[in-house]
Amino acid sequence: MVPQFQDLPQGLASSRVLIRFGVRMIILATFAASSSIGFARGLATLMLMAIILSSLMAVIKRERPFQPVLNYWDETVAYAAMFSLISIFIHSAPA
């Protein structure tokens, strides 16, 4: 029988989320680098889409926030923090 995601140990499940987050950040940064509206604005737009996608995935999978292992809600919070940081730099930089 093939082990399902729920059967994985807690440490393995959290490291899987961290790897998924890192790979997505690399992909988002790569697409933002080729954006016609600029890197920062492109990355902010992609982060906003990642926030929506992660929260939808959390709702679809019926994950609960504040679990002992990392899940899509934690990923959503990380994308939101990155979006906030990027937005500060976009609005504080001279045009």
Protein backbone atom coordinates (compact mmCIF):
# COMPACT_ATOMS: atom_id res chain seq x y z
CA MET A 1 0.00 0.00 0.00
CA VAL A 2 1.32 3.45 -0.92
CA PRO A 3 1.53 5.86 2.03
CA GLN A 4 -0.74 8.85 1.71
CA PHE A 5 0.17 12.41 2.63
CA GLN A 6 -1.63 12.07 5.99
CA ASP A 7 0.55 9.04 6.87
CA LEU A 8 3.80 11.01 6.59
CA PRO A 9 5.65 11.97 9.77
CA GLN A 10 5.16 15.56 10.91
CA GLY A 11 8.73 16.65 10.11
CA LEU A 12 8.51 15.27 6.59
CA ALA A 13 5.19 17.03 5.94
CA SER A 14 6.61 20.38 7.10
CA SER A 15 9.77 20.01 5.04
CA ARG A 16 7.61 19.21 2.02
CA VAL A 17 5.77 22.53 2.48
CA LEU A 18 9.06 24.42 2.85
CA ILE A 19 10.43 22.87 -0.34
CA ARG A 20 7.18 23.66 -2.17
CA PHE A 21 7.36 27.27 -0.98
CA GLY A 22 10.99 27.61 -2.08
CA VAL A 23 10.35 26.18 -5.53
CA ARG A 24 7.34 28.45 -6.03
CA MET A 25 9.34 31.49 -4.93
CA ILE A 26 12.03 30.66 -7.52
CA ILE A 27 9.38 30.28 -10.22
CA LEU A 28 7.63 33.52 -9.24
CA ALA A 29 10.91 35.44 -9.19
CA THR A 30 11.83 34.04 -12.61
CA PHE A 31 8.53 35.13 -14.12
CA ALA A 32 8.72 38.53 -12.40
CA ALA A 33 12.20 39.10 -13.86
CA SER A 34 10.73 38.90 -17.35
CA SER A 35 7.74 41.10 -16.51
CA SER A 36 7.11 44.17 -18.65
CA ILE A 37 5.88 46.19 -15.65
CA GLY A 38 9.10 45.77 -13.70
CA PHE A 39 10.42 43.18 -11.31
CA ALA A 40 8.91 44.54 -8.08
CA ARG A 41 5.45 45.20 -9.47
CA GLY A 42 5.45 41.89 -11.34
CA LEU A 43 6.51 40.00 -8.23
CA ALA A 44 3.86 41.77 -6.14
CA THR A 45 1.18 40.80 -8.65
CA LEU A 46 2.35 37.19 -8.71
CA MET A 47 2.47 37.14 -4.89
CA LEU A 48 -1.14 38.31 -4.78
CA MET A 49 -2.12 35.44 -7.07
CA ALA A 50 -0.12 33.03 -4.88
CA ILE A 51 -1.99 34.26 -1.79
CA ILE A 52 -5.31 33.55 -3.48
CA LEU A 53 -4.18 30.15 -4.77
CA SER A 54 -2.79 29.02 -1.41
CA SER A 55 -5.87 30.08 0.51
CA LEU A 56 -8.13 28.32 -2.01
CA MET A 57 -6.05 25.15 -1.71
CA ALA A 58 -6.30 25.33 2.09
CA VAL A 59 -10.08 25.62 1.88
CA ILE A 60 -10.36 22.82 -0.70
CA LYS A 61 -8.17 20.49 1.39
CA ARG A 62 -10.04 21.57 4.54
CA GLU A 63 -6.84 22.36 6.39
CA ARG A 64 -7.06 24.09 9.72
CA PRO A 65 -4.82 27.00 10.65
CA PHE A 66 -2.40 26.77 13.58
CA GLN A 67 -1.65 23.07 13.16
CA PRO A 68 1.58 21.57 14.55
CA VAL A 69 2.76 20.94 10.96
CA LEU A 70 3.06 23.49 8.18
CA ASN A 71 0.22 23.64 5.67
CA TYR A 72 -1.28 25.87 2.98
CA TRP A 73 -2.42 28.44 5.57
CA ASP A 74 1.18 28.94 6.70
CA GLU A 75 2.21 29.28 3.07
CA THR A 76 -0.51 31.90 2.57
CA VAL A 77 0.81 33.90 5.51
CA ALA A 78 4.36 33.73 4.12
CA TYR A 79 3.19 34.98 0.71
CA ALA A 80 1.21 37.76 2.39
CA ALA A 81 4.28 38.84 4.37
CA MET A 82 6.39 38.88 1.21
CA PHE A 83 3.67 40.84 -0.61
CA SER A 84 3.56 43.41 2.21
CA LEU A 85 7.33 43.79 2.16
CA ILE A 86 7.42 44.24 -1.60
CA SER A 87 4.53 46.72 -1.48
CA ILE A 88 6.44 48.86 1.03
CA PHE A 89 9.39 49.05 -1.34
CA ILE A 90 7.20 49.78 -4.36
CA HIS A 91 5.43 52.68 -2.67
CA SER A 92 8.51 54.14 -0.98
CA ALA A 93 10.74 54.10 -4.08
CA PRO A 94 10.66 57.19 -6.28
CA ALA A 95 9.04 56.65 -9.67
